[in-house]
């Protein structure tokens, strides 16, 4: 019975227009350009990487997300570009997407100060594998429609940093493109992409020789959905070893760590422990997130 109820909940979550529609990562400090296009290339660290996130492993059809990404500064153009390719799977549903970001870096009197203004374009394919659905859900009118749907949207943002303090604000899915698999009779609402507003900030505090504390926070506001608040602190040693703790209010705790090999390769890991209601299940209530990144610059 537990598996049936949970599977039904996953499908309901996937079809709901009021849920978070964009993929996310617990290690958001490493993925500024994913949340804010204005942050593309602003860190002076040209990189490519992969990331994999696996949630609630003991449940059937548990959410999984795979990402391939890159972030590059274009010094001669005072700009930066970022790109994310991802696939997000939850039970019989999946989302495959491409996100492209461009940021123009405005010159300021102090070279340590940087202001980025950015735009992003998104392409998304939402799909349902009907072969994975059985029972009463087979008669759902939504499932009688198309098995996949394409959507396009755009976003914009602003990001400022002076090397120690950084803050940014962005909005994704501004156009709110329609994404409806079927016309359901008497439905009051149709499927579409809802706007996501992201605000993030962090501050770098020197706590010793080559040791920094980085308090950080992120707020995600989603139309017709509860807002999310993340707070955390990261301890960094010479950009070679780091560890941290994050708290997503009323949702989860996240333990994070990473280290660098041969000055170029970074390996990261995060474990999320979920609070109620997921904590009522003794096993599989957490999420594992691993990443591998290659930095081109020293």
C-alpha atoms as a PDB file:
ATOM      1  CA  UNK A   1       0.000   0.000   0.000  1.00  0.00           C
ATOM      2  CA  UNK A   2       2.853   2.372   0.823  1.00  0.00           C
ATOM      3  CA  UNK A   3       4.375   1.911  -2.653  1.00  0.00           C
ATOM      4  CA  UNK A   4       1.005   2.491  -4.340  1.00  0.00           C
ATOM      5  CA  UNK A   5       0.356   5.699  -2.412  1.00  0.00           C
ATOM      6  CA  UNK A   6       3.846   6.994  -3.025  1.00  0.00           C
ATOM      7  CA  UNK A   7       3.696   6.220  -6.763  1.00  0.00           C
ATOM      8  CA  UNK A   8       0.387   8.046  -6.983  1.00  0.00           C
ATOM      9  CA  UNK A   9       1.931  10.998  -5.161  1.00  0.00           C
ATOM     10  CA  UNK A  10       4.835  11.174  -7.584  1.00  0.00           C
ATOM     11  CA  UNK A  11       2.515  11.286 -10.588  1.00  0.00           C
ATOM     12  CA  UNK A  12       0.302  13.894  -8.955  1.00  0.00           C
ATOM     13  CA  UNK A  13       3.388  15.955  -8.196  1.00  0.00           C
ATOM     14  CA  UNK A  14       4.551  15.717 -11.791  1.00  0.00           C
ATOM     15  CA  UNK A  15       1.231  16.890 -13.240  1.00  0.00           C
ATOM     16  CA  UNK A  16       0.604  19.641 -10.727  1.00  0.00           C
ATOM     17  CA  UNK A  17       0.964  23.177 -12.039  1.00  0.00           C
ATOM     18  CA  UNK A  18       1.744  24.356  -8.521  1.00  0.00           C
ATOM     19  CA  UNK A  19       4.931  22.376  -7.920  1.00  0.00           C
ATOM     20  CA  UNK A  20       8.537  23.335  -8.498  1.00  0.00           C
ATOM     21  CA  UNK A  21       9.070  22.694 -12.206  1.00  0.00           C
ATOM     22  CA  UNK A  22      12.820  23.296 -12.488  1.00  0.00           C
ATOM     23  CA  UNK A  23      15.540  20.933 -11.365  1.00  0.00           C
ATOM     24  CA  UNK A  24      17.690  22.045  -8.450  1.00  0.00           C
ATOM     25  CA  UNK A  25      20.882  21.124  -6.625  1.00  0.00           C
ATOM     26  CA  UNK A  26      21.826  21.224  -2.959  1.00  0.00           C
ATOM     27  CA  UNK A  27      25.283  22.552  -3.878  1.00  0.00           C
ATOM     28  CA  UNK A  28      23.901  25.777  -5.333  1.00  0.00           C
ATOM     29  CA  UNK A  29      27.079  27.770  -4.591  1.00  0.00           C
ATOM     30  CA  UNK A  30      28.774  25.783  -7.360  1.00  0.00           C
ATOM     31  CA  UNK A  31      25.965  26.395  -9.846  1.00  0.00           C
ATOM     32  CA  UNK A  32      25.300  30.133  -9.773  1.00  0.00           C
ATOM     33  CA  UNK A  33      24.728  30.305 -13.541  1.00  0.00           C
ATOM     34  CA  UNK A  34      22.011  27.642 -13.292  1.00  0.00           C
ATOM     35  CA  UNK A  35      19.941  29.859 -10.991  1.00  0.00           C
ATOM     36  CA  UNK A  36      20.999  33.229 -12.395  1.00  0.00           C
ATOM     37  CA  UNK A  37      22.169  33.799 -16.005  1.00  0.00           C
ATOM     38  CA  UNK A  38      23.940  37.015 -14.958  1.00  0.00           C
ATOM     39  CA  UNK A  39      26.480  34.914 -12.990  1.00  0.00           C
ATOM     40  CA  UNK A  40      27.748  33.178 -16.152  1.00  0.00           C
ATOM     41  CA  UNK A  41      31.521  33.605 -16.463  1.00  0.00           C
ATOM     42  CA  UNK A  42      31.744  36.024 -13.564  1.00  0.00           C
ATOM     43  CA  UNK A  43      33.792  33.736 -11.286  1.00  0.00           C
ATOM     44  CA  UNK A  44      36.857  33.739 -13.604  1.00  0.00           C
ATOM     45  CA  UNK A  45      36.843  29.931 -13.469  1.00  0.00           C
ATOM     46  CA  UNK A  46      36.285  28.382 -16.886  1.00  0.00           C
ATOM     47  CA  UNK A  47      34.944  24.891 -16.255  1.00  0.00           C
ATOM     48  CA  UNK A  48      32.960  21.889 -17.420  1.00  0.00           C
ATOM     49  CA  UNK A  49      31.369  19.282 -15.188  1.00  0.00           C
ATOM     50  CA  UNK A  50      28.804  16.585 -14.560  1.00  0.00           C
ATOM     51  CA  UNK A  51      26.449  16.084 -11.631  1.00  0.00           C
ATOM     52  CA  UNK A  52      24.107  13.284 -10.556  1.00  0.00           C
ATOM     53  CA  UNK A  53      21.392  13.472  -7.883  1.00  0.00           C
ATOM     54  CA  UNK A  54      19.458  10.461  -6.541  1.00  0.00           C
ATOM     55  CA  UNK A  55      16.607  10.954  -4.033  1.00  0.00           C
ATOM     56  CA  UNK A  56      14.645   8.524  -1.846  1.00  0.00           C
ATOM     57  CA  UNK A  57      16.400   5.443  -3.214  1.00  0.00           C
ATOM     58  CA  UNK A  58      14.186   2.903  -1.431  1.00  0.00           C
ATOM     59  CA  UNK A  59      11.037   4.084  -3.228  1.00  0.00           C
ATOM     60  CA  UNK A  60       9.936   2.909  -6.685  1.00  0.00           C
ATOM     61  CA  UNK A  61      10.344   5.587  -9.341  1.00  0.00           C
ATOM     62  CA  UNK A  62      12.446   7.795  -7.089  1.00  0.00           C
ATOM     63  CA  UNK A  63      13.530  11.193  -8.523  1.00  0.00           C
ATOM     64  CA  UNK A  64      16.902  11.243 -10.317  1.00  0.00           C
ATOM     65  CA  UNK A  65      18.656  14.115 -12.087  1.00  0.00           C
ATOM     66  CA  UNK A  66      21.702  14.062 -14.362  1.00  0.00           C
ATOM     67  CA  UNK A  67      23.395  17.314 -15.468  1.00  0.00           C
ATOM     68  CA  UNK A  68      26.186  18.241 -17.878  1.00  0.00           C
ATOM     69  CA  UNK A  69      27.281  21.873 -17.636  1.00  0.00           C
ATOM     70  CA  UNK A  70      29.875  24.462 -18.585  1.00  0.00           C
ATOM     71  CA  UNK A  71      30.756  28.027 -17.560  1.00  0.00           C
ATOM     72  CA  UNK A  72      33.178  30.237 -19.533  1.00  0.00           C
ATOM     73  CA  UNK A  73      34.339  33.862 -19.286  1.00  0.00           C
ATOM     74  CA  UNK A  74      34.748  35.825 -22.541  1.00  0.00           C
ATOM     75  CA  UNK A  75      37.257  38.459 -21.411  1.00  0.00           C
ATOM     76  CA  UNK A  76      37.543  40.313 -24.714  1.00  0.00           C
ATOM     77  CA  UNK A  77      33.763  40.737 -24.840  1.00  0.00           C
ATOM     78  CA  UNK A  78      33.343  41.531 -21.117  1.00  0.00           C
ATOM     79  CA  UNK A  79      30.893  38.676 -21.008  1.00  0.00           C
ATOM     80  CA  UNK A  80      30.334  35.085 -19.992  1.00  0.00           C
ATOM     81  CA  UNK A  81      28.299  32.119 -21.180  1.00  0.00           C
ATOM     82  CA  UNK A  82      26.895  29.143 -19.320  1.00  0.00           C
ATOM     83  CA  UNK A  83      25.122  25.995 -20.481  1.00  0.00           C
ATOM     84  CA  UNK A  84      23.256  23.178 -18.746  1.00  0.00           C
ATOM     85  CA  UNK A  85      21.912  19.980 -20.276  1.00  0.00           C
ATOM     86  CA  UNK A  86      19.835  17.914 -17.883  1.00  0.00           C
ATOM     87  CA  UNK A  87      17.499  14.963 -17.583  1.00  0.00           C
ATOM     88  CA  UNK A  88      15.142  14.744 -14.623  1.00  0.00           C
ATOM     89  CA  UNK A  89      13.203  11.487 -14.028  1.00  0.00           C
ATOM     90  CA  UNK A  90      10.443  10.801 -11.515  1.00  0.00           C
ATOM     91  CA  UNK A  91       8.621   7.481 -11.929  1.00  0.00           C
ATOM     92  CA  UNK A  92       6.930   7.404 -15.350  1.00  0.00           C
ATOM     93  CA  UNK A  93       7.598  11.097 -16.013  1.00  0.00           C
ATOM     94  CA  UNK A  94      10.763  12.779 -17.274  1.00  0.00           C
ATOM     95  CA  UNK A  95      12.033  16.216 -18.229  1.00  0.00           C
ATOM     96  CA  UNK A  96      14.909  16.702 -20.650  1.00  0.00           C
ATOM     97  CA  UNK A  97      16.130  20.237 -21.064  1.00  0.00           C
ATOM     98  CA  UNK A  98      18.733  22.678 -22.343  1.00  0.00           C
ATOM     99  CA  UNK A  99      19.536  25.960 -20.611  1.00  0.00           C
ATOM    100  CA  UNK A 100      21.762  28.615 -22.237  1.00  0.00           C
ATOM    101  CA  UNK A 101      22.853  31.735 -20.340  1.00  0.00           C
ATOM    102  CA  UNK A 102      24.619  34.911 -21.471  1.00  0.00           C
ATOM    103  CA  UNK A 103      25.932  37.595 -19.127  1.00  0.00           C
ATOM    104  CA  UNK A 104      27.357  41.014 -19.976  1.00  0.00           C
ATOM    105  CA  UNK A 105      29.872  42.219 -17.364  1.00  0.00           C
ATOM    106  CA  UNK A 106      29.761  45.952 -16.747  1.00  0.00           C
ATOM    107  CA  UNK A 107      33.163  47.521 -16.020  1.00  0.00           C
ATOM    108  CA  UNK A 108      33.468  49.431 -12.744  1.00  0.00           C
ATOM    109  CA  UNK A 109      36.139  51.742 -11.298  1.00  0.00           C
ATOM    110  CA  UNK A 110      37.326  49.066  -8.901  1.00  0.00           C
ATOM    111  CA  UNK A 111      38.392  45.995 -10.958  1.00  0.00           C
ATOM    112  CA  UNK A 112      37.369  43.706  -8.091  1.00  0.00           C
ATOM    113  CA  UNK A 113      33.768  44.882  -8.468  1.00  0.00           C
ATOM    114  CA  UNK A 114      31.742  43.099 -11.127  1.00  0.00           C
ATOM    115  CA  UNK A 115      28.142  43.573 -12.184  1.00  0.00           C
ATOM    116  CA  UNK A 116      26.580  41.096 -14.568  1.00  0.00           C
ATOM    117  CA  UNK A 117      23.313  41.460 -16.473  1.00  0.00           C
ATOM    118  CA  UNK A 118      22.134  38.235 -18.041  1.00  0.00           C
ATOM    119  CA  UNK A 119      19.489  36.492 -20.103  1.00  0.00           C
ATOM    120  CA  UNK A 120      18.729  32.819 -20.574  1.00  0.00           C
ATOM    121  CA  UNK A 121      16.892  30.610 -23.036  1.00  0.00           C
ATOM    122  CA  UNK A 122      15.379  27.248 -22.108  1.00  0.00           C
ATOM    123  CA  UNK A 123      14.114  24.306 -24.132  1.00  0.00           C
ATOM    124  CA  UNK A 124      12.223  21.504 -22.396  1.00  0.00           C
ATOM    125  CA  UNK A 125      10.697  18.164 -23.335  1.00  0.00           C
ATOM    126  CA  UNK A 126       8.223  16.790 -20.796  1.00  0.00           C
ATOM    127  CA  UNK A 127       7.377  13.121 -21.341  1.00  0.00           C
ATOM    128  CA  UNK A 128       5.340  10.283 -19.806  1.00  0.00           C
ATOM    129  CA  UNK A 129       6.231   6.613 -20.262  1.00  0.00           C
ATOM    130  CA  UNK A 130       2.730   5.132 -20.267  1.00  0.00           C
ATOM    131  CA  UNK A 131       4.146   1.599 -20.141  1.00  0.00           C
ATOM    132  CA  UNK A 132       5.130   2.285 -16.530  1.00  0.00           C
ATOM    133  CA  UNK A 133       1.557   3.161 -15.501  1.00  0.00           C
ATOM    134  CA  UNK A 134      -1.034   0.579 -14.542  1.00  0.00           C
ATOM    135  CA  UNK A 135      -4.200   0.260 -12.498  1.00  0.00           C
ATOM    136  CA  UNK A 136      -6.752   3.007 -11.952  1.00  0.00           C
ATOM    137  CA  UNK A 137      -4.380   5.687 -13.216  1.00  0.00           C
ATOM    138  CA  UNK A 138      -4.673   4.274 -16.747  1.00  0.00           C
ATOM    139  CA  UNK A 139      -8.110   5.929 -16.971  1.00  0.00           C
ATOM    140  CA  UNK A 140      -6.800   9.366 -16.047  1.00  0.00           C
ATOM    141  CA  UNK A 141      -7.867  11.798 -18.833  1.00  0.00           C
ATOM    142  CA  UNK A 142      -4.434  13.413 -18.821  1.00  0.00           C
ATOM    143  CA  UNK A 143      -2.887  10.104 -19.907  1.00  0.00           C
ATOM    144  CA  UNK A 144      -5.145   9.903 -22.959  1.00  0.00           C
ATOM    145  CA  UNK A 145      -3.273  12.770 -24.573  1.00  0.00           C
ATOM    146  CA  UNK A 146       0.208  13.062 -26.013  1.00  0.00           C
ATOM    147  CA  UNK A 147       3.063  11.182 -24.346  1.00  0.00           C
ATOM    148  CA  UNK A 148       5.446  14.158 -24.655  1.00  0.00           C
ATOM    149  CA  UNK A 149       5.390  17.907 -25.048  1.00  0.00           C
ATOM    150  CA  UNK A 150       7.996  20.528 -25.974  1.00  0.00           C
ATOM    151  CA  UNK A 151       8.256  23.963 -24.448  1.00  0.00           C
ATOM    152  CA  UNK A 152      10.476  27.044 -24.764  1.00  0.00           C
ATOM    153  CA  UNK A 153      10.964  29.889 -22.339  1.00  0.00           C
ATOM    154  CA  UNK A 154      13.353  32.632 -21.209  1.00  0.00           C
ATOM    155  CA  UNK A 155      14.661  34.373 -18.118  1.00  0.00           C
ATOM    156  CA  UNK A 156      16.803  37.269 -16.913  1.00  0.00           C
ATOM    157  CA  UNK A 157      18.864  38.299 -13.912  1.00  0.00           C
ATOM    158  CA  UNK A 158      21.427  40.585 -12.287  1.00  0.00           C
ATOM    159  CA  UNK A 159      24.462  39.554 -10.246  1.00  0.00           C
ATOM    160  CA  UNK A 160      27.033  41.615  -8.294  1.00  0.00           C
ATOM    161  CA  UNK A 161      30.283  40.557  -6.614  1.00  0.00           C
ATOM    162  CA  UNK A 162      33.315  42.326  -5.166  1.00  0.00           C
ATOM    163  CA  UNK A 163      35.281  39.163  -4.441  1.00  0.00           C
ATOM    164  CA  UNK A 164      33.994  38.887  -0.880  1.00  0.00           C
ATOM    165  CA  UNK A 165      30.292  39.679  -1.031  1.00  0.00           C
ATOM    166  CA  UNK A 166      28.058  38.412  -3.814  1.00  0.00           C
ATOM    167  CA  UNK A 167      24.331  38.861  -4.396  1.00  0.00           C
ATOM    168  CA  UNK A 168      21.996  38.123  -7.289  1.00  0.00           C
ATOM    169  CA  UNK A 169      18.354  38.042  -8.319  1.00  0.00           C
ATOM    170  CA  UNK A 170      16.790  36.322 -11.327  1.00  0.00           C
ATOM    171  CA  UNK A 171      13.522  35.126 -12.799  1.00  0.00           C
ATOM    172  CA  UNK A 172      13.099  31.992 -14.931  1.00  0.00           C
ATOM    173  CA  UNK A 173      10.245  30.966 -17.226  1.00  0.00           C
ATOM    174  CA  UNK A 174       9.092  34.565 -17.677  1.00  0.00           C
ATOM    175  CA  UNK A 175       7.000  33.772 -20.753  1.00  0.00           C
ATOM    176  CA  UNK A 176       5.108  30.981 -18.935  1.00  0.00           C
ATOM    177  CA  UNK A 177       4.761  28.841 -22.035  1.00  0.00           C
ATOM    178  CA  UNK A 178       1.928  26.339 -22.181  1.00  0.00           C
ATOM    179  CA  UNK A 179       2.889  22.739 -21.461  1.00  0.00           C
ATOM    180  CA  UNK A 180      -0.314  20.721 -21.572  1.00  0.00           C
ATOM    181  CA  UNK A 181      -0.415  17.062 -22.594  1.00  0.00           C
ATOM    182  CA  UNK A 182      -4.193  16.857 -23.021  1.00  0.00           C
ATOM    183  CA  UNK A 183      -7.363  18.957 -22.919  1.00  0.00           C
ATOM    184  CA  UNK A 184      -9.165  17.851 -19.764  1.00  0.00           C
ATOM    185  CA  UNK A 185     -12.936  18.594 -19.801  1.00  0.00           C
ATOM    186  CA  UNK A 186     -14.088  21.195 -17.250  1.00  0.00           C
ATOM    187  CA  UNK A 187     -10.521  21.842 -16.114  1.00  0.00           C
ATOM    188  CA  UNK A 188     -10.162  25.267 -14.488  1.00  0.00           C
ATOM    189  CA  UNK A 189      -6.418  25.451 -15.043  1.00  0.00           C
ATOM    190  CA  UNK A 190      -4.200  24.402 -17.941  1.00  0.00           C
ATOM    191  CA  UNK A 191      -0.654  23.141 -17.765  1.00  0.00           C
ATOM    192  CA  UNK A 192       2.045  25.768 -18.230  1.00  0.00           C
ATOM    193  CA  UNK A 193       5.493  26.780 -17.035  1.00  0.00           C
ATOM    194  CA  UNK A 194       5.319  29.001 -13.959  1.00  0.00           C
ATOM    195  CA  UNK A 195       7.755  31.752 -13.063  1.00  0.00           C
ATOM    196  CA  UNK A 196      10.530  30.951 -10.604  1.00  0.00           C
ATOM    197  CA  UNK A 197      12.241  33.829  -8.734  1.00  0.00           C
ATOM    198  CA  UNK A 198      15.698  33.182  -7.247  1.00  0.00           C
ATOM    199  CA  UNK A 199      17.579  35.418  -4.821  1.00  0.00           C
ATOM    200  CA  UNK A 200      20.984  34.322  -3.522  1.00  0.00           C
ATOM    201  CA  UNK A 201      23.824  35.843  -1.522  1.00  0.00           C
ATOM    202  CA  UNK A 202      27.090  34.800   0.135  1.00  0.00           C
ATOM    203  CA  UNK A 203      29.937  36.454   2.024  1.00  0.00           C
ATOM    204  CA  UNK A 204      33.569  35.308   2.222  1.00  0.00           C
ATOM    205  CA  UNK A 205      35.144  35.720   5.681  1.00  0.00           C
ATOM    206  CA  UNK A 206      38.837  34.977   6.291  1.00  0.00           C
ATOM    207  CA  UNK A 207      39.064  32.835   9.433  1.00  0.00           C
ATOM    208  CA  UNK A 208      42.759  31.968   9.318  1.00  0.00           C
ATOM    209  CA  UNK A 209      45.664  31.372   6.977  1.00  0.00           C
ATOM    210  CA  UNK A 210      44.049  30.232   3.724  1.00  0.00           C
ATOM    211  CA  UNK A 211      40.835  29.316   5.581  1.00  0.00           C
ATOM    212  CA  UNK A 212      37.544  31.016   4.706  1.00  0.00           C
ATOM    213  CA  UNK A 213      34.030  30.807   6.083  1.00  0.00           C
ATOM    214  CA  UNK A 214      31.331  31.429   3.476  1.00  0.00           C
ATOM    215  CA  UNK A 215      27.827  32.006   4.908  1.00  0.00           C
ATOM    216  CA  UNK A 216      25.276  31.711   2.122  1.00  0.00           C
ATOM    217  CA  UNK A 217      21.546  31.848   1.490  1.00  0.00           C
ATOM    218  CA  UNK A 218      19.064  31.292  -1.308  1.00  0.00           C
ATOM    219  CA  UNK A 219      15.364  32.086  -1.602  1.00  0.00           C
ATOM    220  CA  UNK A 220      13.180  30.511  -4.297  1.00  0.00           C
ATOM    221  CA  UNK A 221       9.722  31.964  -4.883  1.00  0.00           C
ATOM    222  CA  UNK A 222       7.448  29.976  -7.200  1.00  0.00           C
ATOM    223  CA  UNK A 223       4.027  31.166  -8.285  1.00  0.00           C
ATOM    224  CA  UNK A 224       1.198  29.215  -6.607  1.00  0.00           C
ATOM    225  CA  UNK A 225       3.698  27.159  -4.595  1.00  0.00           C
ATOM    226  CA  UNK A 226       5.301  27.485  -1.147  1.00  0.00           C
ATOM    227  CA  UNK A 227       8.528  29.496  -1.146  1.00  0.00           C
ATOM    228  CA  UNK A 228      11.790  27.767  -0.265  1.00  0.00           C
ATOM    229  CA  UNK A 229      14.530  29.153   2.000  1.00  0.00           C
ATOM    230  CA  UNK A 230      18.085  27.772   2.154  1.00  0.00           C
ATOM    231  CA  UNK A 231      20.737  28.847   4.670  1.00  0.00           C
ATOM    232  CA  UNK A 232      24.216  27.421   5.052  1.00  0.00           C
ATOM    233  CA  UNK A 233      27.897  27.887   5.746  1.00  0.00           C
ATOM    234  CA  UNK A 234      30.885  26.533   3.839  1.00  0.00           C
ATOM    235  CA  UNK A 235      34.443  26.152   5.168  1.00  0.00           C
ATOM    236  CA  UNK A 236      37.095  26.419   2.448  1.00  0.00           C
ATOM    237  CA  UNK A 237      40.805  25.636   2.768  1.00  0.00           C
ATOM    238  CA  UNK A 238      42.979  26.969  -0.085  1.00  0.00           C
ATOM    239  CA  UNK A 239      40.256  26.021  -2.567  1.00  0.00           C
ATOM    240  CA  UNK A 240      41.608  22.492  -2.174  1.00  0.00           C
ATOM    241  CA  UNK A 241      39.285  21.130   0.501  1.00  0.00           C
ATOM    242  CA  UNK A 242      35.853  22.317   1.600  1.00  0.00           C
ATOM    243  CA  UNK A 243      32.907  21.139   3.652  1.00  0.00           C
ATOM    244  CA  UNK A 244      29.619  22.666   4.654  1.00  0.00           C
ATOM    245  CA  UNK A 245      26.186  22.416   6.223  1.00  0.00           C
ATOM    246  CA  UNK A 246      22.919  23.707   4.717  1.00  0.00           C
ATOM    247  CA  UNK A 247      19.368  23.894   6.001  1.00  0.00           C
ATOM    248  CA  UNK A 248      16.320  24.066   3.738  1.00  0.00           C
ATOM    249  CA  UNK A 249      13.632  25.398   6.065  1.00  0.00           C
ATOM    250  CA  UNK A 250      11.068  22.742   7.044  1.00  0.00           C
ATOM    251  CA  UNK A 251      12.452  20.360   4.426  1.00  0.00           C
ATOM    252  CA  UNK A 252      15.979  19.010   4.834  1.00  0.00           C
ATOM    253  CA  UNK A 253      19.533  19.258   6.131  1.00  0.00           C
ATOM    254  CA  UNK A 254      22.459  18.907   3.730  1.00  0.00           C
ATOM    255  CA  UNK A 255      26.027  17.840   4.541  1.00  0.00           C
ATOM    256  CA  UNK A 256      28.486  18.784   1.771  1.00  0.00           C
ATOM    257  CA  UNK A 257      32.161  18.175   1.048  1.00  0.00           C
ATOM    258  CA  UNK A 258      34.627  18.425  -1.809  1.00  0.00           C
ATOM    259  CA  UNK A 259      38.306  18.304  -2.672  1.00  0.00           C
ATOM    260  CA  UNK A 260      40.556  19.136  -5.606  1.00  0.00           C
ATOM    261  CA  UNK A 261      42.987  16.828  -7.418  1.00  0.00           C
ATOM    262  CA  UNK A 262      45.981  18.015  -9.469  1.00  0.00           C
ATOM    263  CA  UNK A 263      44.729  21.634  -9.212  1.00  0.00           C
ATOM    264  CA  UNK A 264      42.265  21.008 -12.052  1.00  0.00           C
ATOM    265  CA  UNK A 265      39.762  18.336 -11.003  1.00  0.00           C
ATOM    266  CA  UNK A 266      37.176  18.878  -8.259  1.00  0.00           C
ATOM    267  CA  UNK A 267      35.080  16.085  -6.735  1.00  0.00           C
ATOM    268  CA  UNK A 268      32.011  17.032  -4.696  1.00  0.00           C
ATOM    269  CA  UNK A 269      29.402  15.206  -2.630  1.00  0.00           C
ATOM    270  CA  UNK A 270      26.280  16.150  -0.692  1.00  0.00           C
ATOM    271  CA  UNK A 271      23.889  14.123   1.432  1.00  0.00           C
ATOM    272  CA  UNK A 272      20.433  15.514   2.209  1.00  0.00           C
ATOM    273  CA  UNK A 273      18.443  14.266   5.179  1.00  0.00           C
ATOM    274  CA  UNK A 274      14.755  15.056   4.780  1.00  0.00           C
ATOM    275  CA  UNK A 275      12.487  16.024   7.628  1.00  0.00           C
ATOM    276  CA  UNK A 276       8.769  15.267   7.828  1.00  0.00           C
ATOM    277  CA  UNK A 277       6.873  13.893   5.999  1.00  0.00           C
ATOM    278  CA  UNK A 278       9.694  11.887   4.339  1.00  0.00           C
ATOM    279  CA  UNK A 279      11.388  11.099   7.658  1.00  0.00           C
ATOM    280  CA  UNK A 280       8.497   8.838   8.673  1.00  0.00           C
ATOM    281  CA  UNK A 281      10.036   6.249   6.360  1.00  0.00           C
ATOM    282  CA  UNK A 282      13.055   4.748   8.100  1.00  0.00           C
ATOM    283  CA  UNK A 283      14.980   4.002   4.891  1.00  0.00           C
ATOM    284  CA  UNK A 284      15.584   5.970   1.732  1.00  0.00           C
ATOM    285  CA  UNK A 285      14.518   9.370   3.045  1.00  0.00           C
ATOM    286  CA  UNK A 286      17.729  11.059   1.934  1.00  0.00           C
ATOM    287  CA  UNK A 287      19.330  12.243  -1.289  1.00  0.00           C
ATOM    288  CA  UNK A 288      22.823  11.690  -2.651  1.00  0.00           C
ATOM    289  CA  UNK A 289      24.429  14.235  -4.970  1.00  0.00           C
ATOM    290  CA  UNK A 290      27.848  13.718  -6.556  1.00  0.00           C
ATOM    291  CA  UNK A 291      29.740  15.955  -8.956  1.00  0.00           C
ATOM    292  CA  UNK A 292      32.904  15.984 -11.038  1.00  0.00           C
ATOM    293  CA  UNK A 293      34.291  19.277 -12.386  1.00  0.00           C
ATOM    294  CA  UNK A 294      37.305  20.178 -14.523  1.00  0.00           C
ATOM    295  CA  UNK A 295      38.713  23.701 -14.260  1.00  0.00           C
ATOM    296  CA  UNK A 296      40.624  25.027 -17.277  1.00  0.00           C
ATOM    297  CA  UNK A 297      42.336  27.919 -15.465  1.00  0.00           C
ATOM    298  CA  UNK A 298      44.836  27.787 -12.627  1.00  0.00           C
END
